[in-house]
N, C-alpha and C. Protein backbone atom coordinates (compact mmCIF):
# COMPACT_ATOMS: atom_id res chain seq x y z
N MET A 1 0.84 -1.19 0.00
CA MET A 1 0.00 0.00 0.00
C MET A 1 0.88 1.24 0.00
N THR A 2 0.56 2.20 -0.83
CA THR A 2 1.34 3.43 -0.92
C THR A 2 1.08 4.29 0.30
N PRO A 3 2.12 4.75 1.01
CA PRO A 3 1.89 5.60 2.18
C PRO A 3 1.27 6.93 1.80
N SER A 4 0.51 7.51 2.73
CA SER A 4 -0.11 8.80 2.47
C SER A 4 0.97 9.86 2.28
N PRO A 5 0.75 10.82 1.38
CA PRO A 5 1.74 11.88 1.20
C PRO A 5 1.83 12.77 2.43
N ILE A 6 2.97 13.41 2.59
CA ILE A 6 3.17 14.36 3.70
C ILE A 6 2.35 15.61 3.39
N ARG A 7 1.46 15.96 4.32
CA ARG A 7 0.56 17.11 4.12
C ARG A 7 1.25 18.37 4.63
N ILE A 8 1.47 19.31 3.72
CA ILE A 8 2.26 20.50 4.05
C ILE A 8 1.45 21.78 3.83
N VAL A 9 1.62 22.71 4.75
CA VAL A 9 1.08 24.07 4.61
C VAL A 9 2.26 25.03 4.57
N ILE A 10 2.21 25.99 3.67
CA ILE A 10 3.25 27.01 3.55
C ILE A 10 2.66 28.34 3.99
N VAL A 11 3.39 29.06 4.86
CA VAL A 11 2.93 30.36 5.34
C VAL A 11 4.04 31.38 5.13
N ASP A 12 3.83 32.29 4.19
CA ASP A 12 4.83 33.32 3.88
C ASP A 12 4.11 34.50 3.24
N ASP A 13 4.43 35.71 3.71
CA ASP A 13 3.71 36.88 3.18
C ASP A 13 4.29 37.38 1.86
N HIS A 14 5.30 36.69 1.32
CA HIS A 14 5.84 37.02 0.00
C HIS A 14 5.35 35.96 -0.99
N PRO A 15 4.38 36.29 -1.83
CA PRO A 15 3.80 35.29 -2.74
C PRO A 15 4.83 34.57 -3.60
N MET A 16 5.84 35.29 -4.08
CA MET A 16 6.82 34.65 -4.96
C MET A 16 7.63 33.59 -4.20
N VAL A 17 7.94 33.88 -2.94
CA VAL A 17 8.66 32.91 -2.12
C VAL A 17 7.80 31.68 -1.89
N ALA A 18 6.54 31.92 -1.50
CA ALA A 18 5.63 30.82 -1.22
C ALA A 18 5.41 29.95 -2.46
N GLU A 19 5.23 30.60 -3.60
CA GLU A 19 5.00 29.86 -4.84
C GLU A 19 6.24 29.05 -5.23
N GLY A 20 7.43 29.62 -5.00
CA GLY A 20 8.66 28.92 -5.31
C GLY A 20 8.82 27.66 -4.48
N ILE A 21 8.54 27.79 -3.18
CA ILE A 21 8.65 26.62 -2.28
C ILE A 21 7.60 25.58 -2.65
N GLN A 22 6.40 26.05 -2.95
CA GLN A 22 5.34 25.13 -3.35
C GLN A 22 5.74 24.34 -4.59
N SER A 23 6.32 25.03 -5.56
CA SER A 23 6.74 24.38 -6.79
C SER A 23 7.81 23.31 -6.52
N ILE A 24 8.75 23.64 -5.63
CA ILE A 24 9.80 22.69 -5.26
C ILE A 24 9.19 21.43 -4.64
N LEU A 25 8.32 21.64 -3.66
CA LEU A 25 7.79 20.50 -2.91
C LEU A 25 6.85 19.64 -3.74
N GLU A 26 6.11 20.28 -4.64
CA GLU A 26 5.15 19.52 -5.44
C GLU A 26 5.83 18.67 -6.51
N SER A 27 7.14 18.82 -6.65
CA SER A 27 7.86 17.98 -7.60
C SER A 27 8.15 16.60 -6.99
N TYR A 28 7.87 16.43 -5.71
CA TYR A 28 8.08 15.14 -5.03
C TYR A 28 6.76 14.40 -4.92
N ASP A 29 6.79 13.11 -5.21
CA ASP A 29 5.57 12.30 -5.20
C ASP A 29 5.00 12.08 -3.81
N ASP A 30 5.85 12.16 -2.78
CA ASP A 30 5.38 11.85 -1.43
C ASP A 30 4.99 13.09 -0.63
N VAL A 31 4.76 14.20 -1.35
CA VAL A 31 4.41 15.46 -0.69
C VAL A 31 3.14 16.03 -1.31
N GLU A 32 2.28 16.59 -0.47
CA GLU A 32 1.10 17.30 -0.96
C GLU A 32 1.01 18.65 -0.24
N VAL A 33 1.10 19.73 -0.99
CA VAL A 33 0.91 21.07 -0.42
C VAL A 33 -0.59 21.33 -0.38
N ILE A 34 -1.15 21.35 0.83
CA ILE A 34 -2.61 21.43 0.96
C ILE A 34 -3.12 22.85 1.11
N ALA A 35 -2.23 23.80 1.42
CA ALA A 35 -2.66 25.20 1.53
C ALA A 35 -1.44 26.10 1.56
N VAL A 36 -1.65 27.34 1.10
CA VAL A 36 -0.62 28.40 1.17
C VAL A 36 -1.29 29.64 1.75
N PHE A 37 -0.70 30.20 2.81
CA PHE A 37 -1.26 31.37 3.46
C PHE A 37 -0.23 32.50 3.53
N GLY A 38 -0.72 33.71 3.71
CA GLY A 38 0.17 34.87 3.78
C GLY A 38 0.33 35.45 5.17
N THR A 39 -0.46 34.95 6.14
CA THR A 39 -0.37 35.47 7.52
C THR A 39 -0.49 34.34 8.52
N GLY A 40 0.01 34.60 9.73
CA GLY A 40 -0.10 33.63 10.80
C GLY A 40 -1.54 33.38 11.20
N GLN A 41 -2.36 34.43 11.22
CA GLN A 41 -3.75 34.28 11.63
C GLN A 41 -4.51 33.32 10.73
N GLU A 42 -4.20 33.36 9.43
CA GLU A 42 -4.90 32.47 8.49
C GLU A 42 -4.63 31.00 8.81
N VAL A 43 -3.37 30.67 9.07
CA VAL A 43 -3.06 29.26 9.35
C VAL A 43 -3.58 28.86 10.73
N ILE A 44 -3.58 29.77 11.70
CA ILE A 44 -4.14 29.47 13.02
C ILE A 44 -5.63 29.13 12.88
N ASP A 45 -6.34 29.89 12.06
CA ASP A 45 -7.78 29.68 11.89
C ASP A 45 -8.10 28.35 11.20
N ARG A 46 -7.18 27.82 10.41
CA ARG A 46 -7.48 26.65 9.59
C ARG A 46 -6.74 25.38 10.00
N VAL A 47 -5.81 25.47 10.96
CA VAL A 47 -4.92 24.33 11.22
C VAL A 47 -5.67 23.08 11.68
N GLU A 48 -6.70 23.25 12.51
CA GLU A 48 -7.43 22.08 13.00
C GLU A 48 -8.25 21.44 11.89
N GLU A 49 -8.74 22.25 10.98
CA GLU A 49 -9.49 21.73 9.84
C GLU A 49 -8.56 21.01 8.85
N LEU A 50 -7.41 21.60 8.57
CA LEU A 50 -6.51 21.06 7.55
C LEU A 50 -5.68 19.87 8.03
N GLN A 51 -5.34 19.87 9.33
CA GLN A 51 -4.54 18.80 9.93
C GLN A 51 -3.24 18.52 9.15
N PRO A 52 -2.39 19.53 8.98
CA PRO A 52 -1.13 19.32 8.25
C PRO A 52 -0.14 18.51 9.08
N ASP A 53 0.75 17.82 8.37
CA ASP A 53 1.85 17.14 9.04
C ASP A 53 2.99 18.12 9.34
N VAL A 54 3.26 19.01 8.38
CA VAL A 54 4.35 19.98 8.51
C VAL A 54 3.86 21.35 8.06
N ILE A 55 4.26 22.37 8.80
CA ILE A 55 3.98 23.76 8.40
C ILE A 55 5.32 24.45 8.19
N LEU A 56 5.53 24.99 6.99
CA LEU A 56 6.70 25.82 6.71
C LEU A 56 6.29 27.25 6.96
N LEU A 57 6.89 27.86 7.97
CA LEU A 57 6.39 29.12 8.51
C LEU A 57 7.44 30.22 8.45
N ASP A 58 7.10 31.32 7.80
CA ASP A 58 7.98 32.48 7.76
C ASP A 58 8.09 33.07 9.16
N LEU A 59 9.27 33.53 9.52
CA LEU A 59 9.47 34.08 10.87
C LEU A 59 8.93 35.49 10.99
N ASN A 60 9.13 36.30 9.97
CA ASN A 60 8.71 37.71 10.01
C ASN A 60 7.51 37.93 9.09
N MET A 61 6.36 38.13 9.72
CA MET A 61 5.13 38.36 8.97
C MET A 61 4.35 39.50 9.59
N PRO A 62 3.50 40.17 8.81
CA PRO A 62 2.65 41.20 9.40
C PRO A 62 1.64 40.58 10.35
N GLY A 63 1.22 41.35 11.35
CA GLY A 63 0.25 40.81 12.30
C GLY A 63 0.94 39.91 13.31
N ILE A 64 0.45 38.70 13.47
CA ILE A 64 1.03 37.75 14.42
C ILE A 64 2.33 37.21 13.85
N GLY A 65 3.41 37.37 14.60
CA GLY A 65 4.72 36.93 14.13
C GLY A 65 4.88 35.42 14.16
N GLY A 66 5.97 34.95 13.58
CA GLY A 66 6.19 33.52 13.46
C GLY A 66 6.32 32.80 14.79
N LEU A 67 6.95 33.43 15.79
CA LEU A 67 7.14 32.77 17.08
C LEU A 67 5.82 32.56 17.81
N THR A 68 5.01 33.62 17.85
CA THR A 68 3.70 33.50 18.50
C THR A 68 2.82 32.52 17.74
N THR A 69 2.87 32.59 16.42
CA THR A 69 2.10 31.66 15.59
C THR A 69 2.50 30.22 15.89
N THR A 70 3.79 29.98 16.04
CA THR A 70 4.28 28.64 16.36
C THR A 70 3.67 28.13 17.67
N GLU A 71 3.70 28.97 18.70
CA GLU A 71 3.14 28.56 20.00
C GLU A 71 1.67 28.20 19.89
N ILE A 72 0.91 29.07 19.22
CA ILE A 72 -0.54 28.85 19.12
C ILE A 72 -0.84 27.61 18.30
N LEU A 73 -0.11 27.42 17.20
CA LEU A 73 -0.33 26.23 16.36
C LEU A 73 -0.06 24.95 17.14
N LEU A 74 1.00 24.93 17.92
CA LEU A 74 1.34 23.73 18.67
C LEU A 74 0.36 23.46 19.81
N GLU A 75 -0.27 24.51 20.31
CA GLU A 75 -1.31 24.31 21.31
C GLU A 75 -2.53 23.66 20.67
N ARG A 76 -2.84 24.09 19.47
CA ARG A 76 -4.05 23.58 18.80
C ARG A 76 -3.81 22.21 18.15
N ARG A 77 -2.58 21.98 17.71
CA ARG A 77 -2.27 20.70 17.06
C ARG A 77 -0.84 20.31 17.40
N PRO A 78 -0.64 19.71 18.59
CA PRO A 78 0.73 19.44 19.08
C PRO A 78 1.55 18.52 18.18
N ASP A 79 0.89 17.68 17.38
CA ASP A 79 1.63 16.72 16.56
C ASP A 79 2.18 17.30 15.27
N THR A 80 1.77 18.51 14.93
CA THR A 80 2.28 19.14 13.70
C THR A 80 3.72 19.59 13.89
N ARG A 81 4.56 19.33 12.89
CA ARG A 81 5.94 19.80 12.94
C ARG A 81 6.03 21.15 12.26
N ILE A 82 6.70 22.08 12.90
CA ILE A 82 6.84 23.42 12.33
C ILE A 82 8.29 23.67 11.94
N LEU A 83 8.47 24.01 10.68
CA LEU A 83 9.77 24.37 10.13
C LEU A 83 9.79 25.87 9.89
N ILE A 84 10.67 26.57 10.56
CA ILE A 84 10.77 28.02 10.37
C ILE A 84 11.57 28.31 9.10
N LEU A 85 11.03 29.23 8.29
CA LEU A 85 11.73 29.73 7.11
C LEU A 85 12.16 31.16 7.41
N SER A 86 13.41 31.48 7.18
CA SER A 86 13.86 32.82 7.54
C SER A 86 15.07 33.25 6.72
N MET A 87 15.25 34.57 6.62
CA MET A 87 16.46 35.13 6.03
C MET A 87 17.52 35.35 7.10
N HIS A 88 17.14 35.21 8.37
CA HIS A 88 18.03 35.55 9.49
C HIS A 88 18.78 34.33 9.98
N ASP A 89 20.11 34.45 10.05
CA ASP A 89 20.90 33.32 10.55
C ASP A 89 21.54 33.61 11.90
N SER A 90 21.04 34.63 12.62
CA SER A 90 21.64 34.97 13.91
C SER A 90 21.24 33.94 14.97
N PRO A 91 22.12 33.64 15.92
CA PRO A 91 21.81 32.66 16.98
C PRO A 91 20.55 33.00 17.76
N GLU A 92 20.30 34.31 17.96
CA GLU A 92 19.12 34.71 18.73
C GLU A 92 17.83 34.26 18.05
N TYR A 93 17.77 34.48 16.75
CA TYR A 93 16.57 34.07 16.01
C TYR A 93 16.39 32.55 16.07
N ILE A 94 17.47 31.83 15.84
CA ILE A 94 17.39 30.37 15.77
C ILE A 94 17.02 29.79 17.13
N SER A 95 17.69 30.25 18.19
CA SER A 95 17.41 29.75 19.53
C SER A 95 15.96 30.04 19.94
N SER A 96 15.48 31.24 19.61
CA SER A 96 14.10 31.60 19.95
C SER A 96 13.11 30.69 19.25
N ALA A 97 13.36 30.42 17.97
CA ALA A 97 12.46 29.56 17.21
C ALA A 97 12.39 28.17 17.81
N LEU A 98 13.55 27.61 18.16
CA LEU A 98 13.58 26.27 18.73
C LEU A 98 12.94 26.24 20.12
N SER A 99 13.16 27.27 20.92
CA SER A 99 12.59 27.28 22.27
C SER A 99 11.08 27.45 22.24
N HIS A 100 10.55 28.01 21.14
CA HIS A 100 9.10 28.16 21.00
C HIS A 100 8.45 26.90 20.43
N GLY A 101 9.26 25.89 20.17
CA GLY A 101 8.69 24.61 19.75
C GLY A 101 8.90 24.22 18.30
N ALA A 102 9.59 25.08 17.52
CA ALA A 102 9.85 24.73 16.12
C ALA A 102 10.71 23.47 16.04
N ALA A 103 10.41 22.63 15.07
CA ALA A 103 11.17 21.39 14.89
C ALA A 103 12.42 21.60 14.04
N GLY A 104 12.48 22.74 13.36
CA GLY A 104 13.64 22.99 12.52
C GLY A 104 13.69 24.43 12.04
N TYR A 105 14.82 24.78 11.46
CA TYR A 105 15.07 26.16 11.03
C TYR A 105 15.81 26.10 9.70
N VAL A 106 15.23 26.70 8.67
CA VAL A 106 15.80 26.64 7.33
C VAL A 106 15.91 28.05 6.77
N LEU A 107 17.10 28.40 6.28
CA LEU A 107 17.28 29.70 5.65
C LEU A 107 16.68 29.66 4.24
N LYS A 108 16.14 30.79 3.82
CA LYS A 108 15.41 30.81 2.55
C LYS A 108 16.31 30.65 1.33
N ASP A 109 17.60 30.84 1.52
CA ASP A 109 18.48 30.73 0.36
C ASP A 109 19.17 29.37 0.25
N VAL A 110 18.63 28.36 0.94
CA VAL A 110 19.25 27.03 0.86
C VAL A 110 18.98 26.41 -0.51
N PRO A 111 19.79 25.43 -0.92
CA PRO A 111 19.49 24.70 -2.16
C PRO A 111 18.10 24.06 -2.07
N THR A 112 17.45 23.94 -3.22
CA THR A 112 16.06 23.49 -3.22
C THR A 112 15.86 22.13 -2.56
N ASP A 113 16.80 21.20 -2.76
CA ASP A 113 16.60 19.87 -2.20
C ASP A 113 16.73 19.85 -0.68
N GLU A 114 17.31 20.90 -0.10
CA GLU A 114 17.48 20.91 1.35
C GLU A 114 16.14 21.12 2.06
N ILE A 115 15.22 21.82 1.42
CA ILE A 115 13.90 22.00 2.01
C ILE A 115 13.22 20.64 2.18
N LYS A 116 13.34 19.80 1.17
CA LYS A 116 12.75 18.46 1.26
C LYS A 116 13.46 17.63 2.33
N ARG A 117 14.77 17.76 2.43
CA ARG A 117 15.51 17.03 3.48
C ARG A 117 15.03 17.46 4.87
N ALA A 118 14.78 18.75 5.00
CA ALA A 118 14.30 19.27 6.29
C ALA A 118 12.93 18.69 6.62
N VAL A 119 12.05 18.63 5.63
CA VAL A 119 10.72 18.06 5.84
C VAL A 119 10.84 16.59 6.26
N ASP A 120 11.66 15.83 5.56
CA ASP A 120 11.83 14.41 5.88
C ASP A 120 12.39 14.22 7.28
N ALA A 121 13.33 15.09 7.66
CA ALA A 121 13.96 14.96 8.98
C ALA A 121 12.95 15.20 10.11
N VAL A 122 12.17 16.26 10.00
CA VAL A 122 11.21 16.54 11.09
C VAL A 122 10.08 15.52 11.10
N MET A 123 9.73 14.97 9.94
CA MET A 123 8.73 13.90 9.91
C MET A 123 9.26 12.64 10.60
N ALA A 124 10.58 12.47 10.61
CA ALA A 124 11.20 11.32 11.28
C ALA A 124 11.43 11.60 12.77
N GLY A 125 10.96 12.75 13.24
CA GLY A 125 11.09 13.08 14.65
C GLY A 125 12.41 13.74 15.02
N GLN A 126 13.17 14.18 14.02
CA GLN A 126 14.47 14.81 14.28
C GLN A 126 14.35 16.33 14.24
N ARG A 127 15.30 16.98 14.88
CA ARG A 127 15.41 18.44 14.75
C ARG A 127 16.29 18.73 13.54
N TYR A 128 15.91 19.72 12.75
CA TYR A 128 16.69 20.01 11.55
C TYR A 128 17.13 21.47 11.54
N LEU A 129 18.44 21.66 11.43
CA LEU A 129 18.99 23.00 11.21
C LEU A 129 19.76 22.96 9.89
N CYS A 130 19.43 23.87 8.98
CA CYS A 130 20.17 23.89 7.73
C CYS A 130 21.63 24.28 8.00
N THR A 131 22.48 24.06 7.04
CA THR A 131 23.92 24.23 7.24
C THR A 131 24.26 25.62 7.76
N GLY A 132 23.69 26.65 7.18
CA GLY A 132 23.96 28.02 7.62
C GLY A 132 23.51 28.27 9.04
N ALA A 133 22.38 27.68 9.42
CA ALA A 133 21.86 27.85 10.77
C ALA A 133 22.72 27.11 11.79
N GLN A 134 23.21 25.94 11.42
CA GLN A 134 24.07 25.17 12.33
C GLN A 134 25.31 25.97 12.69
N GLY A 135 25.88 26.64 11.71
CA GLY A 135 27.10 27.40 11.94
C GLY A 135 26.89 28.59 12.84
N SER A 136 25.64 29.10 12.88
CA SER A 136 25.36 30.30 13.66
C SER A 136 24.96 30.00 15.09
N LEU A 137 24.50 28.77 15.33
CA LEU A 137 23.97 28.44 16.65
C LEU A 137 25.09 27.96 17.55
N ALA A 138 25.31 28.69 18.63
CA ALA A 138 26.35 28.28 19.59
C ALA A 138 25.94 26.98 20.24
N PRO A 139 26.89 26.10 20.52
CA PRO A 139 26.55 24.83 21.15
C PRO A 139 25.94 25.03 22.52
N PHE A 140 24.97 24.21 22.84
CA PHE A 140 24.33 24.27 24.16
C PHE A 140 25.26 23.64 25.19
N ARG A 141 25.59 24.41 26.21
CA ARG A 141 26.54 23.92 27.21
C ARG A 141 25.79 23.36 28.42
N PRO A 142 26.32 22.26 29.00
CA PRO A 142 25.68 21.71 30.20
C PRO A 142 25.58 22.79 31.28
N GLY A 143 24.44 22.80 31.96
CA GLY A 143 24.23 23.80 33.01
C GLY A 143 23.43 24.99 32.51
N GLU A 144 23.38 25.20 31.19
CA GLU A 144 22.55 26.27 30.65
C GLU A 144 21.11 25.80 30.60
N ARG A 145 20.21 26.72 30.87
CA ARG A 145 18.80 26.36 30.81
C ARG A 145 18.16 26.99 29.59
N GLU A 146 17.32 26.21 28.93
CA GLU A 146 16.55 26.78 27.83
C GLU A 146 15.55 27.77 28.40
N GLN A 147 15.27 28.82 27.66
CA GLN A 147 14.30 29.82 28.11
C GLN A 147 12.89 29.29 27.96
N LEU A 148 12.04 29.64 28.93
CA LEU A 148 10.62 29.31 28.82
C LEU A 148 9.96 30.30 27.88
N THR A 149 9.02 29.80 27.09
CA THR A 149 8.24 30.70 26.24
C THR A 149 7.25 31.46 27.12
N ASN A 150 6.62 32.48 26.55
CA ASN A 150 5.63 33.25 27.31
C ASN A 150 4.50 32.36 27.80
N ARG A 151 4.05 31.44 26.95
CA ARG A 151 2.95 30.56 27.33
C ARG A 151 3.40 29.62 28.45
N GLU A 152 4.61 29.12 28.37
CA GLU A 152 5.12 28.23 29.42
C GLU A 152 5.23 28.98 30.75
N GLN A 153 5.63 30.25 30.71
CA GLN A 153 5.69 31.05 31.94
C GLN A 153 4.30 31.21 32.55
N THR A 154 3.30 31.43 31.68
CA THR A 154 1.92 31.56 32.16
C THR A 154 1.46 30.28 32.82
N ILE A 155 1.76 29.14 32.19
CA ILE A 155 1.34 27.86 32.73
C ILE A 155 2.11 27.52 34.00
N LEU A 156 3.39 27.86 34.05
CA LEU A 156 4.18 27.67 35.27
C LEU A 156 3.54 28.42 36.44
N LEU A 157 3.11 29.65 36.19
CA LEU A 157 2.46 30.44 37.24
C LEU A 157 1.21 29.73 37.75
N GLN A 158 0.40 29.23 36.83
CA GLN A 158 -0.83 28.54 37.22
C GLN A 158 -0.53 27.26 38.02
N LEU A 159 0.44 26.49 37.54
CA LEU A 159 0.79 25.24 38.23
C LEU A 159 1.38 25.52 39.61
N ALA A 160 2.21 26.56 39.68
CA ALA A 160 2.85 26.89 40.96
C ALA A 160 1.83 27.38 41.99
N GLN A 161 0.69 27.82 41.52
CA GLN A 161 -0.39 28.24 42.42
C GLN A 161 -1.22 27.05 42.90
N GLY A 162 -0.80 25.85 42.46
CA GLY A 162 -1.47 24.64 42.93
C GLY A 162 -2.62 24.18 42.07
N LYS A 163 -2.78 24.77 40.90
CA LYS A 163 -3.89 24.38 40.03
C LYS A 163 -3.57 23.07 39.32
N SER A 164 -4.61 22.29 39.08
CA SER A 164 -4.44 21.03 38.36
C SER A 164 -4.34 21.28 36.86
N ASN A 165 -3.92 20.26 36.12
CA ASN A 165 -3.87 20.40 34.67
C ASN A 165 -5.24 20.79 34.11
N ARG A 166 -6.30 20.20 34.67
CA ARG A 166 -7.65 20.50 34.19
C ARG A 166 -8.02 21.96 34.48
N ASP A 167 -7.65 22.44 35.69
CA ASP A 167 -7.92 23.84 36.04
C ASP A 167 -7.22 24.79 35.07
N VAL A 168 -5.96 24.48 34.78
CA VAL A 168 -5.18 25.34 33.88
C VAL A 168 -5.79 25.31 32.48
N ALA A 169 -6.18 24.13 32.03
CA ALA A 169 -6.78 24.00 30.70
C ALA A 169 -8.04 24.85 30.59
N GLN A 170 -8.88 24.81 31.64
CA GLN A 170 -10.11 25.60 31.61
C GLN A 170 -9.81 27.09 31.66
N ALA A 171 -8.84 27.48 32.47
CA ALA A 171 -8.51 28.90 32.60
C ALA A 171 -7.96 29.50 31.31
N LEU A 172 -7.19 28.70 30.58
CA LEU A 172 -6.53 29.20 29.36
C LEU A 172 -7.24 28.76 28.09
N ASP A 173 -8.34 28.02 28.24
CA ASP A 173 -9.13 27.56 27.10
C ASP A 173 -8.29 26.72 26.13
N ILE A 174 -7.53 25.78 26.71
CA ILE A 174 -6.75 24.84 25.90
C ILE A 174 -7.04 23.43 26.42
N SER A 175 -6.57 22.42 25.72
CA SER A 175 -6.87 21.05 26.13
C SER A 175 -5.96 20.62 27.29
N VAL A 176 -6.44 19.64 28.06
CA VAL A 176 -5.64 19.08 29.15
C VAL A 176 -4.35 18.48 28.58
N ARG A 177 -4.46 17.85 27.42
CA ARG A 177 -3.28 17.26 26.78
C ARG A 177 -2.22 18.33 26.48
N THR A 178 -2.66 19.50 26.04
CA THR A 178 -1.73 20.59 25.75
C THR A 178 -1.04 21.06 27.03
N VAL A 179 -1.80 21.16 28.11
CA VAL A 179 -1.20 21.55 29.40
C VAL A 179 -0.16 20.52 29.82
N GLU A 180 -0.49 19.24 29.67
CA GLU A 180 0.45 18.18 30.03
C GLU A 180 1.75 18.28 29.22
N THR A 181 1.60 18.60 27.93
CA THR A 181 2.79 18.76 27.08
C THR A 181 3.64 19.93 27.54
N HIS A 182 2.98 21.05 27.83
CA HIS A 182 3.71 22.23 28.33
C HIS A 182 4.39 21.92 29.66
N ARG A 183 3.67 21.23 30.53
CA ARG A 183 4.22 20.90 31.85
C ARG A 183 5.49 20.05 31.71
N LYS A 184 5.42 19.07 30.82
CA LYS A 184 6.58 18.21 30.57
C LYS A 184 7.76 19.03 30.04
N ASN A 185 7.48 19.95 29.10
CA ASN A 185 8.54 20.78 28.53
C ASN A 185 9.13 21.73 29.56
N ILE A 186 8.29 22.27 30.44
CA ILE A 186 8.77 23.17 31.50
C ILE A 186 9.73 22.42 32.42
N LYS A 187 9.31 21.23 32.84
CA LYS A 187 10.16 20.44 33.75
C LYS A 187 11.49 20.08 33.08
N ARG A 188 11.40 19.72 31.79
CA ARG A 188 12.64 19.37 31.06
C ARG A 188 13.57 20.57 30.97
N LYS A 189 13.02 21.73 30.60
CA LYS A 189 13.86 22.91 30.42
C LYS A 189 14.49 23.36 31.74
N LEU A 190 13.73 23.22 32.83
CA LEU A 190 14.22 23.71 34.13
C LEU A 190 14.98 22.63 34.91
N GLY A 191 14.91 21.39 34.43
CA GLY A 191 15.56 20.30 35.15
C GLY A 191 14.90 20.02 36.48
N ILE A 192 13.57 20.16 36.53
CA ILE A 192 12.80 19.98 37.76
C ILE A 192 11.82 18.83 37.56
N SER A 193 11.70 17.96 38.55
CA SER A 193 10.87 16.76 38.38
C SER A 193 9.56 16.80 39.14
N SER A 194 9.42 17.73 40.10
CA SER A 194 8.21 17.71 40.94
C SER A 194 7.47 19.04 40.87
N THR A 195 6.18 18.99 41.23
CA THR A 195 5.39 20.22 41.28
C THR A 195 5.90 21.16 42.37
N ALA A 196 6.33 20.58 43.50
CA ALA A 196 6.89 21.41 44.58
C ALA A 196 8.13 22.14 44.07
N GLY A 197 8.93 21.45 43.25
CA GLY A 197 10.12 22.08 42.68
C GLY A 197 9.75 23.22 41.76
N LEU A 198 8.68 23.06 40.99
CA LEU A 198 8.22 24.15 40.12
C LEU A 198 7.78 25.35 40.95
N THR A 199 7.08 25.07 42.05
CA THR A 199 6.61 26.16 42.92
C THR A 199 7.79 26.92 43.52
N ARG A 200 8.79 26.16 44.00
CA ARG A 200 9.96 26.83 44.59
C ARG A 200 10.70 27.64 43.52
N TYR A 201 10.84 27.09 42.33
CA TYR A 201 11.49 27.83 41.24
C TYR A 201 10.72 29.12 40.96
N ALA A 202 9.40 29.03 40.90
CA ALA A 202 8.58 30.21 40.61
C ALA A 202 8.75 31.28 41.68
N LEU A 203 8.84 30.84 42.95
CA LEU A 203 9.05 31.79 44.04
C LEU A 203 10.43 32.45 43.95
N GLU A 204 11.45 31.62 43.73
CA GLU A 204 12.82 32.13 43.71
C GLU A 204 13.08 33.07 42.53
N HIS A 205 12.32 32.90 41.45
CA HIS A 205 12.55 33.72 40.26
C HIS A 205 11.47 34.78 40.05
N GLY A 206 10.68 35.03 41.10
CA GLY A 206 9.73 36.13 41.04
C GLY A 206 8.49 35.88 40.21
N VAL A 207 8.28 34.62 39.77
CA VAL A 207 7.11 34.33 38.95
C VAL A 207 5.82 34.54 39.73
N LEU A 208 5.87 34.24 41.04
CA LEU A 208 4.67 34.35 41.87
C LEU A 208 4.56 35.69 42.57
N GLN A 209 5.42 36.62 42.22
CA GLN A 209 5.44 37.91 42.90
C GLN A 209 4.08 38.59 42.77
N GLY A 210 3.53 39.01 43.89
CA GLY A 210 2.28 39.75 43.85
C GLY A 210 1.04 38.87 43.80
N THR A 211 1.20 37.54 43.80
CA THR A 211 0.03 36.66 43.73
C THR A 211 -0.45 36.24 45.12
N GLY A 212 0.37 36.49 46.13
CA GLY A 212 -0.03 36.08 47.47
C GLY A 212 0.26 34.63 47.79
N VAL A 213 0.87 33.92 46.89
CA VAL A 213 1.15 32.50 47.11
C VAL A 213 2.40 32.35 47.98
N ARG A 214 2.33 31.44 48.95
CA ARG A 214 3.47 31.16 49.81
C ARG A 214 3.74 29.65 49.76
N LEU A 215 5.00 29.31 49.87
CA LEU A 215 5.37 27.89 49.87
C LEU A 215 5.29 27.33 51.28
C-alpha cells in the first residue's frame, strides 16, 4: 500500500517565495501542499481543519509573528511539525524559534533539495537545522537552561499556584493534553521533576510575585 503523502502548509507573506517553495515541494511524489497562506492568523484559523503534518512558517510576517504563531499552532495541534523559514541566521533568532517549539530552522536561500531534506527529517522526529543555521547556533553547554516561552511562563504560574492540569486548561481555554505537554517541557527545560520544585522555582525567580502564594 502506498503511504499517504506528507501534508504541508506554507505560510509566507511574500507570494513569490511561497510559490517557489510550493513548486519545489510539489515535484516530489510523497508530498502534498494542501494550503498556502500569507499570515499567521490564516493558518491558526485553519490548522485544526486542515490537519497538516508539517507547516513551513515564515518568521517575520505582518500581524502575528512567526514565534507566537508557532506557539498557538502547537497548542491547537501538538503533533504538527513546524519548520521556520527565515532570512536571518543569527543565533538569537534560531534559539528563539527552537525554544518556542519549532522542529527545525531553514534559511530561505538554501538549495532546493534541502527543504525536502528538512521536511523528511522533522517527519522522522528529528530536529533540523540547515547548514547556515548550524554554523550560527552556539553549542548548548551543560548547566545552561533553555528559556521558557511566554505561554510556558503563564502555565508555570498557574501550576505553581497549585492548580491542576484541568484547572489550567479551563482557565486558558486549551486542552488538558496541551497543558500536560507544556508541563513536561517546562520540567525538562528547568531540570525539575516535581510540582513542589516548580513552585519553589517560581518563588525564587519572582514568577509568583504579587500573587499572594506562599510555599
